[in-house]
Protein backbone atom coordinates (compact mmCIF):
# COMPACT_ATOMS: atom_id res chain seq x y z
CA MET A 1 -11.20 -12.74 202.99
CA ALA A 2 -8.19 -14.76 201.87
CA ARG A 3 -8.35 -18.52 202.16
CA THR A 4 -5.88 -20.15 204.51
CA PRO A 5 -3.39 -22.74 203.24
CA ALA A 6 -5.29 -25.42 205.18
CA ALA A 7 -8.56 -24.47 203.49
CA ARG A 8 -6.89 -24.56 200.08
CA ALA A 9 -5.41 -27.98 200.90
CA ASP A 10 -8.88 -29.21 201.89
CA ASP A 11 -10.30 -27.95 198.59
CA GLN A 12 -7.50 -29.65 196.68
CA ALA A 13 -7.98 -32.91 198.60
CA TRP A 14 -11.72 -32.83 197.89
CA ALA A 15 -11.08 -32.23 194.17
CA VAL A 16 -8.71 -35.20 194.05
CA PHE A 17 -11.26 -37.33 195.93
CA GLU A 18 -14.01 -36.35 193.49
CA ALA A 19 -11.83 -37.12 190.49
CA GLU A 20 -10.46 -40.43 191.77
CA ALA A 21 -13.14 -42.01 193.96
CA LEU A 22 -16.55 -40.78 192.87
CA PRO A 23 -16.47 -42.32 189.38
CA HIS A 24 -16.27 -45.72 191.10
CA VAL A 25 -19.22 -45.31 193.48
CA ASP A 26 -21.57 -47.45 191.39
CA ARG A 27 -19.08 -50.31 191.18
CA LEU A 28 -18.33 -50.03 194.88
CA PHE A 29 -22.03 -50.21 195.72
CA ARG A 30 -22.61 -53.22 193.44
CA LEU A 31 -19.67 -55.03 195.04
CA GLU A 32 -20.93 -54.26 198.54
CA LEU A 33 -24.43 -55.41 197.55
CA TRP A 34 -22.95 -58.66 196.28
CA PHE A 35 -21.05 -59.12 199.56
CA GLU A 36 -23.90 -58.16 201.88
CA ARG A 37 -27.00 -59.36 199.97
CA ASN A 38 -28.81 -56.55 201.78
CA ARG A 39 -29.34 -53.14 200.17
CA ALA A 40 -29.34 -51.12 203.40
CA GLU A 41 -26.16 -52.79 204.67
CA ALA A 42 -24.48 -52.30 201.29
CA GLU A 43 -25.38 -48.59 201.28
CA ASP A 44 -24.00 -48.16 204.80
CA LEU A 45 -20.79 -50.01 204.00
CA ALA A 46 -20.22 -48.12 200.74
CA ALA A 47 -20.79 -44.80 202.54
CA THR A 48 -18.37 -45.80 205.30
CA VAL A 49 -15.71 -46.73 202.75
CA LEU A 50 -16.13 -43.43 200.90
CA LEU A 51 -15.95 -41.44 204.14
CA ALA A 52 -12.77 -43.28 205.14
CA ILE A 53 -11.18 -42.65 201.76
CA GLY A 54 -12.17 -38.98 201.90
CA ALA A 55 -10.80 -38.57 205.41
CA ALA A 56 -7.55 -40.28 204.48
CA GLY A 57 -7.19 -38.02 201.45
CA ALA A 58 -7.68 -34.92 203.58
CA PHE A 59 -5.07 -36.22 206.01
CA TRP A 60 -2.54 -37.00 203.25
CA ALA A 61 -3.05 -33.57 201.67
CA ARG A 62 -1.67 -31.93 204.82
CA ASP A 63 1.82 -33.43 204.36
């Protein structure tokens, strides 16, 4: 079955996200841990930031 243009755009957006954002996850987590002083809160905040960035990237890829 052929992939739709939207599915290909999602794949491309995910590849860009992996290349640009994921190498910085450790630094993001350390910064959030410094801000929050609470490991669980820092993990939640870092995950929320990464989800927001990923969602924005998927949105921008549809232009």
